[in-house]
């Protein structure tokens, strides 16, 4: 694996970018829809609150995972130019 390729030719990198964008759009949608508004959160029942927290955590983990995938691809042994 000593070949080099341009950064935009890396399917791993593009997969990480797509996953990152999807996660960020999901989180932005929650904010814009008012799902993380304090007044809305105060009115949730305990089960609904747990579900909302799970969605927020899942989005955060997806963002972190995407960033790790992108960094991993950029530091891989197959160099990208």
C-alpha atoms as a PDB file:
ATOM      1  CA  UNK A   1       0.000   0.000   0.000  1.00  0.00           C
ATOM      2  CA  UNK A   2       2.554   2.510  -1.095  1.00  0.00           C
ATOM      3  CA  UNK A   3       0.406   4.128  -3.739  1.00  0.00           C
ATOM      4  CA  UNK A   4      -0.659   7.717  -3.365  1.00  0.00           C
ATOM      5  CA  UNK A   5      -3.898   9.304  -4.425  1.00  0.00           C
ATOM      6  CA  UNK A   6      -5.551  12.656  -4.200  1.00  0.00           C
ATOM      7  CA  UNK A   7      -7.616  13.301  -1.075  1.00  0.00           C
ATOM      8  CA  UNK A   8     -10.855  13.504  -3.054  1.00  0.00           C
ATOM      9  CA  UNK A   9     -10.284   9.975  -4.423  1.00  0.00           C
ATOM     10  CA  UNK A  10     -10.596   8.395  -0.981  1.00  0.00           C
ATOM     11  CA  UNK A  11     -13.942   6.634  -0.556  1.00  0.00           C
ATOM     12  CA  UNK A  12     -13.279   6.293   3.177  1.00  0.00           C
ATOM     13  CA  UNK A  13     -12.863  10.023   3.498  1.00  0.00           C
ATOM     14  CA  UNK A  14     -16.056  10.706   1.554  1.00  0.00           C
ATOM     15  CA  UNK A  15     -17.942   8.169   3.680  1.00  0.00           C
ATOM     16  CA  UNK A  16     -16.807   9.991   6.812  1.00  0.00           C
ATOM     17  CA  UNK A  17     -17.769  13.362   5.346  1.00  0.00           C
ATOM     18  CA  UNK A  18     -21.247  12.136   4.365  1.00  0.00           C
ATOM     19  CA  UNK A  19     -21.800  10.593   7.797  1.00  0.00           C
ATOM     20  CA  UNK A  20     -20.617  13.795   9.466  1.00  0.00           C
ATOM     21  CA  UNK A  21     -22.935  15.976   7.388  1.00  0.00           C
ATOM     22  CA  UNK A  22     -25.910  13.690   8.048  1.00  0.00           C
ATOM     23  CA  UNK A  23     -25.244  13.778  11.786  1.00  0.00           C
ATOM     24  CA  UNK A  24     -24.815  17.545  11.830  1.00  0.00           C
ATOM     25  CA  UNK A  25     -28.003  18.104   9.812  1.00  0.00           C
ATOM     26  CA  UNK A  26     -29.885  15.861  12.232  1.00  0.00           C
ATOM     27  CA  UNK A  27     -28.609  17.847  15.219  1.00  0.00           C
ATOM     28  CA  UNK A  28     -29.361  21.184  13.525  1.00  0.00           C
ATOM     29  CA  UNK A  29     -32.862  19.974  12.692  1.00  0.00           C
ATOM     30  CA  UNK A  30     -33.469  19.131  16.367  1.00  0.00           C
ATOM     31  CA  UNK A  31     -32.419  22.634  17.369  1.00  0.00           C
ATOM     32  CA  UNK A  32     -34.464  24.401  14.687  1.00  0.00           C
ATOM     33  CA  UNK A  33     -37.545  22.281  15.335  1.00  0.00           C
ATOM     34  CA  UNK A  34     -37.479  23.304  18.985  1.00  0.00           C
ATOM     35  CA  UNK A  35     -36.794  19.789  20.246  1.00  0.00           C
ATOM     36  CA  UNK A  36     -34.041  21.079  22.527  1.00  0.00           C
ATOM     37  CA  UNK A  37     -35.960  24.138  23.719  1.00  0.00           C
ATOM     38  CA  UNK A  38     -36.041  24.293  27.522  1.00  0.00           C
ATOM     39  CA  UNK A  39     -39.792  24.875  27.592  1.00  0.00           C
ATOM     40  CA  UNK A  40     -40.373  21.792  25.447  1.00  0.00           C
ATOM     41  CA  UNK A  41     -37.995  19.707  27.566  1.00  0.00           C
ATOM     42  CA  UNK A  42     -39.768  20.743  30.793  1.00  0.00           C
ATOM     43  CA  UNK A  43     -43.090  19.455  29.416  1.00  0.00           C
ATOM     44  CA  UNK A  44     -41.787  16.014  28.467  1.00  0.00           C
ATOM     45  CA  UNK A  45     -42.679  12.941  30.463  1.00  0.00           C
ATOM     46  CA  UNK A  46     -39.778  10.919  31.840  1.00  0.00           C
ATOM     47  CA  UNK A  47     -39.924   8.301  29.047  1.00  0.00           C
ATOM     48  CA  UNK A  48     -40.004  11.003  26.378  1.00  0.00           C
ATOM     49  CA  UNK A  49     -37.103  12.774  28.032  1.00  0.00           C
ATOM     50  CA  UNK A  50     -35.042   9.592  28.030  1.00  0.00           C
ATOM     51  CA  UNK A  51     -35.801   9.104  24.324  1.00  0.00           C
ATOM     52  CA  UNK A  52     -34.828  12.718  23.569  1.00  0.00           C
ATOM     53  CA  UNK A  53     -31.556  12.303  25.469  1.00  0.00           C
ATOM     54  CA  UNK A  54     -30.845   9.085  23.559  1.00  0.00           C
ATOM     55  CA  UNK A  55     -31.328  10.882  20.240  1.00  0.00           C
ATOM     56  CA  UNK A  56     -29.009  13.715  21.273  1.00  0.00           C
ATOM     57  CA  UNK A  57     -26.351  11.274  22.482  1.00  0.00           C
ATOM     58  CA  UNK A  58     -26.640   9.195  19.300  1.00  0.00           C
ATOM     59  CA  UNK A  59     -26.189  12.316  17.160  1.00  0.00           C
ATOM     60  CA  UNK A  60     -23.158  13.384  19.189  1.00  0.00           C
ATOM     61  CA  UNK A  61     -21.596   9.916  18.940  1.00  0.00           C
ATOM     62  CA  UNK A  62     -22.217   9.868  15.180  1.00  0.00           C
ATOM     63  CA  UNK A  63     -20.485  13.231  14.797  1.00  0.00           C
ATOM     64  CA  UNK A  64     -17.487  12.056  16.839  1.00  0.00           C
ATOM     65  CA  UNK A  65     -17.330   8.769  14.921  1.00  0.00           C
ATOM     66  CA  UNK A  66     -17.378  10.595  11.615  1.00  0.00           C
ATOM     67  CA  UNK A  67     -14.580  12.900  12.702  1.00  0.00           C
ATOM     68  CA  UNK A  68     -12.509   9.929  13.876  1.00  0.00           C
ATOM     69  CA  UNK A  69     -13.064   8.206  10.499  1.00  0.00           C
ATOM     70  CA  UNK A  70     -11.943  11.297   8.613  1.00  0.00           C
ATOM     71  CA  UNK A  71      -8.854  11.762  10.792  1.00  0.00           C
ATOM     72  CA  UNK A  72      -8.053   8.063  10.518  1.00  0.00           C
ATOM     73  CA  UNK A  73      -8.213   8.204   6.743  1.00  0.00           C
ATOM     74  CA  UNK A  74      -6.010  11.276   6.602  1.00  0.00           C
ATOM     75  CA  UNK A  75      -3.398   9.602   8.834  1.00  0.00           C
ATOM     76  CA  UNK A  76      -3.534   6.233   7.035  1.00  0.00           C
ATOM     77  CA  UNK A  77      -0.455   4.704   5.460  1.00  0.00           C
ATOM     78  CA  UNK A  78      -1.807   5.220   1.949  1.00  0.00           C
ATOM     79  CA  UNK A  79      -1.015   8.875   1.600  1.00  0.00           C
ATOM     80  CA  UNK A  80      -3.538  11.235   0.124  1.00  0.00           C
ATOM     81  CA  UNK A  81      -2.275  14.234  -1.764  1.00  0.00           C
END
